[in-house]
Amino acid sequence: MARKKKGLCKKRNIQAAAEEPEELVRAPHSFIFHRGLVGKYILRLIRDFRNVMEPFTATNLRPRKSNSIKDFVAVTGVLHVSHMVILTQTVLSPYLRIIRVPRGPTLTFKIHNYTLSTDVLSSLRKQYAFNKIFLNSPLVVLNGFTGDDPHIKLMVATFQGMFPTINITTVNLKSISRCVLFNYNKDTKMIDFRHYVIRSRPLGISKAVKKLGRNKIPDLSRYKDVSEFITKSDLLSDSEVEDDPGSHVSLPQTLGPRSTKGNKAAVRLTEYGPRMTLQLIKVEAGIMEGEVLFHEYVNKTEEEKEMIRQRLEEKRKLKEKRRKEQMANVKKKEEAKEAAKQKSLEGMKKAGINVGGEPVKEEEQDDDAEWYRQEVGEEPDPELFQQSQKKSILKRKRNEGGGDGSLPPKRMRKDVHKKSVRFSGVPKKTVNKKNIKQPQRKPVKKQPAGKRKGKGRKNMGTRVTKGKRH
């Protein structure tokens, strides 16, 4: 049975065709990548920071060296990206830039210290299995950002804008499983960045009851009764005693089988990493360019700032002027191209060539005989006006003999056939070797074998003659 022929395969992205919910579209998305040469630890830090920004970030983003910042900005509108985080490394220290797209501003931070997530988790005394904690965005906590300085207010707005807002009245407490902390120290002007996992544990339950609640069968060989296993106080470890009353809360919602609504629970934070110590260095108005709004080390007077503004304004005007000139030149070239195309089409129509599959209407030819009658008043001779048939430009008409109508047919010699003619022009049957004169060769003088000289015998070590070796 013949195989059925398949048609063209159409790839349809169902996810792109489907409309996203309004909440997902309004949520801030981010690009996190590096520029320039960085070490392997900075690459791991980028991976850890992407985990912090989950789920509204490009986890598998792989930028190329040829990609520029404009390339990323060009796709931010389609992908609803609102922030870009760029990490670079210099001889002094690594730097972190947070850019608000598409118009800025750009905040540049110096990374004084950082610790990866693997190092933080390995330092924990008790290891936990963190499952499904990256399905929802973290809770943002800002501490110490007080003051009327513009750069402090800008940092607060930037850090809050990087994460989606939370509605307290409709939020589901189960979805809040992580916490991001930014702590600002006014004396040192340092920002401590921490990433925690939020866990809640019920109060007033011993370790033995917790084991029974987890469907684990305890070892009762050392006890006489189950009540002794439950009531014995020495089974409690120091980590199980909730000694901080500030962590005790009354649950407004049910979080699990042991954490029901109305019961008291202890909220615990387990650090997940990474850790970073940041310092704000510079704030720019645009995307990595424009007016410098704040600088930690450089202070300029108002006159210098005004000169810089004028220089940037002149640069912007020059750029706009060049863009307009370029657009005018492009428009002019397109008009010239269109005019040349129309001229070419008119020429093709006059020549009788079909353009676009439409038949060309033949122009009415002037009747020369009628004109002669009107002007002279006599009948013209029949041989005076003979209209020649219109010849096609694309293909010449051929006569019945197969030749071109404009040229006479080519005659062949009757006495000589093509196949019987050699390169000499003499017929094959009439060629006789005796009739062809051969060029005379010079006689070759024979020399004795011992005295014969050759080109290959010059460099030989020994010469061989009859019965002798020299």
Protein backbone atom coordinates (compact mmCIF):
# COMPACT_ATOMS: atom_id res chain seq x y z
CA MET A 1 0.00 0.00 0.00
CA ALA A 2 1.38 3.39 -0.98
CA ARG A 3 2.37 5.73 1.76
CA LYS A 4 0.02 8.63 2.30
CA LYS A 5 1.55 11.96 1.41
CA LYS A 6 1.67 14.37 4.32
CA GLY A 7 1.16 18.08 4.04
CA LEU A 8 3.21 20.89 5.47
CA CYS A 9 3.78 20.69 9.20
CA LYS A 10 2.58 23.79 11.01
CA LYS A 11 4.10 24.44 14.40
CA ARG A 12 1.60 26.07 16.65
CA ASN A 13 2.60 27.34 20.06
CA ILE A 14 -0.50 26.78 22.14
CA GLN A 15 0.90 28.65 25.13
CA ALA A 16 1.67 31.74 23.05
CA ALA A 17 -1.76 31.71 21.43
CA ALA A 18 -3.60 31.44 24.75
CA GLU A 19 -4.18 34.66 26.61
CA GLU A 20 -2.43 34.98 29.95
CA PRO A 21 -4.33 36.09 33.04
CA GLU A 22 -4.18 39.76 33.93
CA GLU A 23 -2.36 39.02 37.20
CA LEU A 24 0.49 37.27 35.41
CA VAL A 25 0.80 40.01 32.81
CA ARG A 26 1.00 42.78 35.44
CA ALA A 27 3.47 40.88 37.61
CA PRO A 28 7.07 42.17 37.27
CA HIS A 29 9.27 39.87 35.20
CA SER A 30 13.05 39.94 35.10
CA PHE A 31 16.13 39.04 33.06
CA ILE A 32 19.23 38.05 35.05
CA PHE A 33 22.48 37.62 33.12
CA HIS A 34 26.12 38.70 33.07
CA ARG A 35 28.23 40.85 30.77
CA GLY A 36 31.89 40.38 30.02
CA LEU A 37 34.19 37.79 31.51
CA VAL A 38 33.15 36.47 34.93
CA GLY A 39 34.28 33.56 37.05
CA LYS A 40 32.46 30.33 37.81
CA TYR A 41 31.34 31.58 41.21
CA ILE A 42 29.60 34.60 39.66
CA LEU A 43 27.80 32.21 37.31
CA ARG A 44 26.61 30.21 40.31
CA LEU A 45 25.53 33.43 42.01
CA ILE A 46 23.44 34.25 38.92
CA ARG A 47 21.78 30.85 39.14
CA ASP A 48 21.01 31.35 42.85
CA PHE A 49 19.62 34.84 42.24
CA ARG A 50 17.36 33.43 39.54
CA ASN A 51 15.97 31.04 42.15
CA VAL A 52 15.21 34.03 44.35
CA MET A 53 13.28 35.74 41.55
CA GLU A 54 11.26 32.66 40.63
CA PRO A 55 8.75 32.11 39.07
CA PHE A 56 8.70 35.39 37.09
CA THR A 57 12.19 35.20 35.61
CA ALA A 58 13.93 33.58 32.65
CA THR A 59 15.54 30.57 34.35
CA ASN A 60 17.25 29.16 31.23
CA LEU A 61 18.35 32.46 29.70
CA ARG A 62 21.63 32.04 27.79
CA PRO A 63 22.86 35.32 26.33
CA ARG A 64 25.51 35.38 23.62
CA LYS A 65 28.54 37.59 23.35
CA SER A 66 27.06 39.27 20.28
CA ASN A 67 23.88 40.29 22.16
CA SER A 68 23.77 43.92 23.24
CA ILE A 69 21.62 45.65 25.82
CA LYS A 70 19.39 46.94 23.01
CA ASP A 71 18.59 43.36 22.03
CA PHE A 72 17.28 42.60 25.50
CA VAL A 73 15.34 45.85 25.67
CA ALA A 74 13.72 45.09 22.31
CA VAL A 75 12.05 41.90 23.61
CA THR A 76 11.06 43.17 27.05
CA GLY A 77 7.71 44.47 25.85
CA VAL A 78 6.66 41.16 24.31
CA LEU A 79 7.70 39.12 27.36
CA HIS A 80 6.36 41.67 29.92
CA VAL A 81 9.85 42.12 31.41
CA SER A 82 10.10 45.07 33.80
CA HIS A 83 13.59 44.67 35.32
CA MET A 84 17.02 43.53 34.20
CA VAL A 85 19.71 42.44 36.65
CA ILE A 86 23.24 42.49 35.18
CA LEU A 87 26.31 41.15 36.97
CA THR A 88 29.82 42.15 35.95
CA GLN A 89 33.26 41.55 37.41
CA THR A 90 36.29 43.83 37.56
CA VAL A 91 39.69 43.63 39.19
CA LEU A 92 38.39 45.36 42.32
CA SER A 93 35.11 43.53 42.91
CA PRO A 94 31.93 42.29 41.21
CA TYR A 95 29.09 44.72 40.52
CA LEU A 96 25.33 44.35 40.26
CA ARG A 97 23.11 46.61 38.15
CA ILE A 98 19.32 46.78 38.47
CA ILE A 99 17.68 48.40 35.44
CA ARG A 100 14.07 49.44 35.15
CA VAL A 101 13.05 48.99 31.53
CA PRO A 102 12.33 50.51 29.13
CA ARG A 103 13.45 54.00 30.29
CA GLY A 104 15.46 53.50 33.47
CA PRO A 105 16.71 54.35 36.01
CA THR A 106 19.82 52.21 36.55
CA LEU A 107 21.13 51.44 40.05
CA THR A 108 24.71 50.20 40.35
CA PHE A 109 25.70 48.25 43.48
CA LYS A 110 29.10 47.05 44.55
CA ILE A 111 29.14 43.49 45.91
CA HIS A 112 31.51 43.46 48.88
CA ASN A 113 30.77 39.89 50.03
CA TYR A 114 28.60 37.05 48.82
CA THR A 115 27.90 33.44 49.79
CA LEU A 116 26.35 30.83 47.51
CA SER A 117 23.27 28.78 48.38
CA THR A 118 25.23 25.53 48.48
CA ASP A 119 27.54 26.92 51.17
CA VAL A 120 24.61 28.25 53.22
CA LEU A 121 22.71 24.94 53.10
CA SER A 122 25.80 22.92 53.96
CA SER A 123 26.29 25.00 57.12
CA LEU A 124 22.84 24.08 58.51
CA ARG A 125 22.83 21.67 61.40
CA LYS A 126 19.65 20.01 60.21
CA GLN A 127 18.92 19.53 56.55
CA TYR A 128 15.40 20.04 55.21
CA ALA A 129 13.72 19.03 51.98
CA PHE A 130 12.35 22.19 50.38
CA ASN A 131 9.73 21.03 47.91
CA LYS A 132 7.65 23.35 45.75
CA ILE A 133 8.94 26.53 47.38
CA PHE A 134 9.73 28.20 44.04
CA LEU A 135 6.22 27.97 42.63
CA ASN A 136 5.26 31.32 44.20
CA SER A 137 7.05 34.63 44.57
CA PRO A 138 8.66 35.54 47.93
CA LEU A 139 7.59 38.06 50.53
CA VAL A 140 9.71 41.25 50.59
CA VAL A 141 10.84 42.73 53.94
CA LEU A 142 12.67 46.09 54.04
CA ASN A 143 14.38 47.24 57.22
CA GLY A 144 16.24 50.48 57.95
CA PHE A 145 15.32 52.35 54.76
CA THR A 146 14.29 55.53 56.53
CA GLY A 147 15.14 59.07 55.54
CA ASP A 148 14.32 61.77 53.04
CA ASP A 149 17.28 61.13 50.73
CA PRO A 150 16.15 60.59 47.10
CA HIS A 151 18.47 57.65 46.52
CA ILE A 152 17.05 55.80 49.57
CA LYS A 153 13.48 56.30 48.34
CA LEU A 154 14.55 55.12 44.91
CA MET A 155 16.09 51.96 46.38
CA VAL A 156 12.86 51.23 48.29
CA ALA A 157 10.75 51.66 45.15
CA THR A 158 13.14 49.50 43.11
CA PHE A 159 13.27 46.61 45.58
CA GLN A 160 9.51 46.61 46.03
CA GLY A 161 8.88 46.83 42.28
CA MET A 162 10.99 43.76 41.53
CA PHE A 163 8.45 41.46 43.22
CA PRO A 164 4.67 41.23 42.74
CA THR A 165 2.40 42.92 45.25
CA ILE A 166 0.45 40.89 47.82
CA ASN A 167 -3.14 41.61 48.73
CA ILE A 168 -3.45 40.94 52.48
CA THR A 169 -7.20 40.35 52.41
CA THR A 170 -7.21 37.72 49.66
CA VAL A 171 -3.78 36.13 50.03
CA ASN A 172 -3.45 32.41 50.67
CA LEU A 173 -0.90 31.79 53.43
CA LYS A 174 0.10 28.47 51.89
CA SER A 175 1.50 30.32 48.87
CA ILE A 176 3.92 32.36 51.04
CA SER A 177 6.80 29.96 51.56
CA ARG A 178 9.80 32.29 51.10
CA CYS A 179 11.01 35.64 52.36
CA VAL A 180 13.56 38.13 51.00
CA LEU A 181 15.14 40.56 53.49
CA PHE A 182 16.91 43.86 52.66
CA ASN A 183 18.53 45.43 55.72
CA TYR A 184 20.09 48.90 55.34
CA ASN A 185 22.75 50.16 57.75
CA LYS A 186 22.99 53.96 57.77
CA ASP A 187 26.41 54.06 59.41
CA THR A 188 28.19 51.78 56.95
CA LYS A 189 25.74 52.40 54.06
CA MET A 190 25.67 48.67 53.46
CA ILE A 191 22.67 46.56 52.41
CA ASP A 192 22.46 43.00 53.71
CA PHE A 193 20.54 40.66 51.41
CA ARG A 194 19.12 37.40 52.83
CA HIS A 195 16.82 34.71 51.48
CA TYR A 196 14.78 32.54 53.91
CA VAL A 197 12.30 29.69 53.77
CA ILE A 198 9.23 30.16 56.01
CA ARG A 199 8.08 27.18 58.11
CA SER A 200 5.31 27.02 60.71
CA ARG A 201 5.24 24.50 63.58
CA PRO A 202 2.36 23.94 66.03
CA LEU A 203 2.91 24.84 69.69
CA GLY A 204 2.45 22.57 72.72
CA ILE A 205 3.22 19.32 70.91
CA SER A 206 6.15 17.21 72.01
CA LYS A 207 8.57 15.48 69.75
CA ALA A 208 6.97 12.10 70.43
CA VAL A 209 3.53 13.27 69.32
CA LYS A 210 5.03 14.78 66.20
CA LYS A 211 6.54 11.43 65.31
CA LEU A 212 3.19 9.76 65.72
CA GLY A 213 1.57 12.48 63.59
CA ARG A 214 4.05 11.81 60.78
CA ASN A 215 3.01 8.13 60.65
CA LYS A 216 6.39 7.04 61.98
CA ILE A 217 6.48 3.98 64.26
CA PRO A 218 8.68 4.83 67.28
CA ASP A 219 10.93 2.40 69.16
CA LEU A 220 8.99 1.50 72.37
CA SER A 221 11.32 -1.23 73.61
CA ARG A 222 12.71 1.02 76.39
CA TYR A 223 9.29 1.98 77.74
CA LYS A 224 6.70 0.07 79.72
CA ASP A 225 3.71 1.99 78.34
CA VAL A 226 2.88 4.40 75.49
CA SER A 227 1.97 7.09 78.03
CA GLU A 228 5.56 7.01 79.31
CA PHE A 229 6.82 7.60 75.78
CA ILE A 230 4.53 10.61 75.34
CA THR A 231 4.88 12.25 78.76
CA LYS A 232 8.60 11.84 79.30
CA SER A 233 10.12 15.29 79.20
CA ASP A 234 13.72 14.32 78.53
CA LEU A 235 12.85 13.42 74.94
CA LEU A 236 12.51 17.08 74.05
CA SER A 237 15.59 18.58 72.49
CA ASP A 238 16.70 22.20 72.73
CA SER A 239 15.58 22.89 69.14
CA GLU A 240 12.03 21.78 69.92
CA VAL A 241 11.49 24.28 72.75
CA GLU A 242 9.90 27.50 71.48
CA ASP A 243 11.73 29.95 73.72
CA ASP A 244 10.93 33.08 71.64
CA PRO A 245 7.41 34.30 72.39
CA GLY A 246 7.68 36.82 69.53
CA SER A 247 7.46 33.99 67.00
CA HIS A 248 4.14 32.73 68.37
CA VAL A 249 1.16 33.62 66.18
CA SER A 250 -2.47 32.62 65.94
CA LEU A 251 -3.18 31.10 62.53
CA PRO A 252 -5.93 32.91 60.57
CA GLN A 253 -6.04 30.08 57.99
CA THR A 254 -5.51 26.36 57.97
CA LEU A 255 -2.02 25.55 56.71
CA GLY A 256 -1.99 21.81 57.20
CA PRO A 257 -3.29 18.84 59.18
CA ARG A 258 -1.43 19.96 62.33
CA SER A 259 -1.74 23.72 61.74
CA THR A 260 -5.44 24.45 61.75
CA LYS A 261 -7.23 27.79 61.93
CA GLY A 262 -7.24 29.40 65.39
CA ASN A 263 -4.39 27.32 66.80
CA LYS A 264 -1.10 28.84 67.86
CA ALA A 265 2.02 28.10 65.84
CA ALA A 266 5.66 29.14 65.85
CA VAL A 267 7.01 30.72 62.65
CA ARG A 268 10.58 29.72 61.85
CA LEU A 269 12.92 31.01 59.16
CA THR A 270 15.52 28.73 57.60
CA GLU A 271 18.12 30.48 55.50
CA TYR A 272 18.35 29.17 51.95
CA GLY A 273 20.82 31.57 50.39
CA PRO A 274 22.44 33.35 48.71
CA ARG A 275 23.86 36.09 50.93
CA MET A 276 25.11 39.40 49.63
CA THR A 277 26.49 42.61 51.08
CA LEU A 278 25.75 45.49 48.70
CA GLN A 279 26.59 49.19 48.54
CA LEU A 280 24.91 51.72 46.26
CA ILE A 281 27.54 53.42 44.09
CA LYS A 282 25.71 55.25 41.30
CA VAL A 283 22.21 56.04 40.01
CA GLU A 284 21.69 56.94 36.33
CA ALA A 285 18.56 58.37 34.74
CA GLY A 286 18.53 56.14 31.64
CA ILE A 287 19.51 52.59 30.78
CA MET A 288 23.21 52.58 31.71
CA GLU A 289 23.50 56.13 30.35
CA GLY A 290 22.09 59.56 30.89
CA GLU A 291 22.33 62.01 33.75
CA VAL A 292 23.99 60.78 36.96
CA LEU A 293 21.49 61.40 39.75
CA PHE A 294 23.67 60.07 42.59
CA HIS A 295 27.27 59.02 43.04
CA GLU A 296 28.88 57.81 46.23
CA TYR A 297 32.42 59.04 45.53
CA VAL A 298 32.05 61.91 43.03
CA ASN A 299 30.32 65.17 43.98
CA LYS A 300 29.78 67.87 41.37
CA THR A 301 28.62 71.47 41.61
CA GLU A 302 25.46 72.80 40.03
CA GLU A 303 27.44 74.45 37.21
CA GLU A 304 29.11 71.17 36.30
CA LYS A 305 25.77 69.37 36.39
CA GLU A 306 24.25 72.01 34.10
CA MET A 307 27.14 71.60 31.63
CA ILE A 308 26.64 67.86 31.63
CA ARG A 309 22.90 68.31 31.00
CA GLN A 310 23.57 70.61 28.07
CA ARG A 311 26.10 68.19 26.63
CA LEU A 312 23.63 65.31 26.90
CA GLU A 313 20.88 67.45 25.34
CA GLU A 314 23.11 68.35 22.39
CA LYS A 315 24.02 64.72 21.96
CA ARG A 316 20.35 63.75 22.00
CA LYS A 317 19.44 66.43 19.44
CA LEU A 318 22.28 65.35 17.15
CA LYS A 319 21.15 61.76 17.39
CA GLU A 320 17.57 62.76 16.57
CA LYS A 321 18.76 64.83 13.59
CA ARG A 322 20.79 61.94 12.21
CA ARG A 323 17.83 59.63 12.64
CA LYS A 324 15.57 61.99 10.68
CA GLU A 325 18.17 62.33 7.90
CA GLN A 326 18.50 58.58 7.73
CA MET A 327 14.73 58.14 7.51
CA ALA A 328 14.54 60.79 4.75
CA ASN A 329 17.31 59.05 2.77
CA VAL A 330 15.59 55.71 3.12
CA LYS A 331 12.29 57.22 1.93
CA LYS A 332 14.04 58.87 -1.02
CA LYS A 333 15.65 55.59 -2.06
CA GLU A 334 12.34 53.79 -1.84
CA GLU A 335 10.65 56.42 -4.02
CA ALA A 336 13.46 56.19 -6.61
CA LYS A 337 13.18 52.42 -6.57
CA GLU A 338 9.41 52.57 -7.06
CA ALA A 339 9.78 55.07 -9.93
CA ALA A 340 12.34 52.82 -11.65
CA LYS A 341 10.00 49.88 -11.21
CA GLN A 342 7.06 51.75 -12.77
CA LYS A 343 9.25 52.88 -15.66
CA SER A 344 10.38 49.31 -16.24
CA LEU A 345 6.77 48.07 -16.19
CA GLU A 346 5.74 50.69 -18.74
CA GLY A 347 8.58 49.64 -21.01
CA MET A 348 7.56 46.00 -20.73
CA LYS A 349 3.95 46.88 -21.59
CA LYS A 350 5.08 48.81 -24.67
CA ALA A 351 7.19 45.85 -25.75
CA GLY A 352 4.19 43.54 -25.47
CA ILE A 353 5.38 41.55 -22.47
CA ASN A 354 2.72 40.33 -20.11
CA VAL A 355 3.14 41.82 -16.65
CA GLY A 356 1.51 39.92 -13.80
CA GLY A 357 -0.31 37.52 -16.13
CA GLU A 358 -2.55 40.23 -17.66
CA PRO A 359 -2.75 40.42 -21.44
CA VAL A 360 -1.38 43.60 -22.95
CA LYS A 361 -3.78 45.49 -25.18
CA GLU A 362 -2.30 46.18 -28.58
CA GLU A 363 -2.25 49.82 -29.51
CA GLU A 364 -4.22 50.85 -32.50
CA GLN A 365 -1.87 51.16 -35.44
CA ASP A 366 -2.12 54.12 -37.83
CA ASP A 367 -3.61 53.25 -41.22
CA ASP A 368 -1.06 54.65 -43.67
CA ALA A 369 -3.22 53.90 -46.69
CA GLU A 370 -6.16 55.89 -45.30
CA TRP A 371 -3.89 58.77 -44.43
CA TYR A 372 -2.53 58.74 -48.03
CA ARG A 373 -6.07 58.88 -49.43
CA GLN A 374 -7.01 61.82 -47.22
CA GLU A 375 -3.88 63.85 -47.92
CA VAL A 376 -3.20 63.08 -51.61
CA GLY A 377 -6.72 62.25 -52.73
CA GLU A 378 -5.66 59.22 -54.81
CA GLU A 379 -5.57 55.51 -54.26
CA PRO A 380 -2.09 54.29 -53.24
CA ASP A 381 -0.27 51.56 -55.11
CA PRO A 382 -0.76 48.12 -53.52
CA GLU A 383 3.02 47.67 -53.07
CA LEU A 384 3.50 51.03 -51.35
CA PHE A 385 2.25 50.11 -47.88
CA GLN A 386 2.98 46.51 -46.98
CA GLN A 387 2.55 45.87 -43.31
CA SER A 388 5.16 43.49 -41.98
CA GLN A 389 4.05 40.99 -39.47
CA LYS A 390 4.89 41.92 -35.93
CA LYS A 391 7.67 39.73 -34.66
CA SER A 392 7.85 38.52 -31.08
CA ILE A 393 10.74 39.79 -29.05
CA LEU A 394 10.88 36.79 -26.75
CA LYS A 395 11.08 34.09 -29.46
CA ARG A 396 11.94 34.18 -33.13
CA LYS A 397 9.54 32.62 -35.60
CA ARG A 398 10.90 29.67 -37.48
CA ASN A 399 9.95 28.54 -40.96
CA GLU A 400 8.91 25.08 -42.02
CA GLY A 401 12.48 24.03 -42.73
CA GLY A 402 13.46 24.60 -39.11
CA GLY A 403 15.65 27.64 -39.66
CA ASP A 404 15.23 31.20 -38.51
CA GLY A 405 12.82 33.21 -40.57
CA SER A 406 15.17 36.19 -40.77
CA LEU A 407 18.18 34.18 -42.04
CA PRO A 408 18.45 31.70 -44.92
CA PRO A 409 18.91 28.02 -43.96
CA LYS A 410 22.46 26.86 -43.60
CA ARG A 411 23.72 24.76 -46.51
CA MET A 412 25.80 21.64 -46.04
CA ARG A 413 28.39 20.32 -48.46
CA LYS A 414 27.05 17.45 -50.46
CA ASP A 415 30.33 15.68 -51.03
CA VAL A 416 31.57 15.78 -47.42
CA HIS A 417 29.72 14.52 -44.33
CA LYS A 418 30.43 15.77 -40.85
CA LYS A 419 31.28 12.38 -39.45
CA SER A 420 33.67 11.56 -42.29
CA VAL A 421 35.80 14.70 -41.82
CA ARG A 422 38.88 14.67 -39.63
CA PHE A 423 40.61 17.64 -38.10
CA SER A 424 42.62 18.04 -41.30
CA GLY A 425 39.47 18.68 -43.36
CA VAL A 426 40.06 15.65 -45.65
CA PRO A 427 37.28 13.04 -45.98
CA LYS A 428 37.86 9.85 -44.05
CA LYS A 429 37.71 7.56 -47.11
CA THR A 430 40.23 9.58 -49.10
CA VAL A 431 42.84 9.71 -46.34
CA ASN A 432 45.91 7.68 -47.26
CA LYS A 433 48.98 7.36 -45.11
CA LYS A 434 51.22 7.26 -48.17
CA ASN A 435 49.90 10.60 -49.37
CA ILE A 436 50.65 12.32 -46.05
CA LYS A 437 54.23 13.40 -45.80
CA GLN A 438 55.83 12.52 -42.50
CA PRO A 439 58.45 14.89 -41.02
CA GLN A 440 61.99 13.55 -41.39
CA ARG A 441 63.73 12.46 -38.22
CA LYS A 442 67.40 13.01 -37.53
CA PRO A 443 69.45 9.82 -37.49
CA VAL A 444 70.61 8.75 -34.08
CA LYS A 445 74.22 7.65 -33.75
CA LYS A 446 74.62 4.48 -31.75
CA GLN A 447 77.35 4.50 -29.16
CA PRO A 448 79.01 1.54 -27.47
CA ALA A 449 77.55 0.38 -24.20
CA GLY A 450 80.55 1.46 -22.17
CA LYS A 451 80.63 5.01 -23.60
CA ARG A 452 76.87 5.64 -23.49
CA LYS A 453 76.01 8.67 -21.43
CA GLY A 454 72.69 9.32 -19.73
CA LYS A 455 71.16 11.92 -17.47
CA GLY A 456 70.62 9.42 -14.68
CA ARG A 457 74.24 8.20 -14.60
CA LYS A 458 75.83 11.47 -13.50
CA ASN A 459 75.33 11.06 -9.78
CA MET A 460 75.84 7.30 -9.57
CA GLY A 461 78.57 6.11 -7.29
CA THR A 462 79.77 3.27 -9.52
CA ARG A 463 79.82 2.84 -13.27
CA VAL A 464 79.05 -0.58 -14.71
CA THR A 465 80.47 -1.78 -18.04
CA LYS A 466 80.84 -5.19 -19.58
CA GLY A 467 82.33 -7.41 -16.87
CA LYS A 468 83.98 -4.49 -15.06
CA ARG A 469 83.05 -2.30 -12.09
CA HIS A 470 84.79 1.03 -11.53
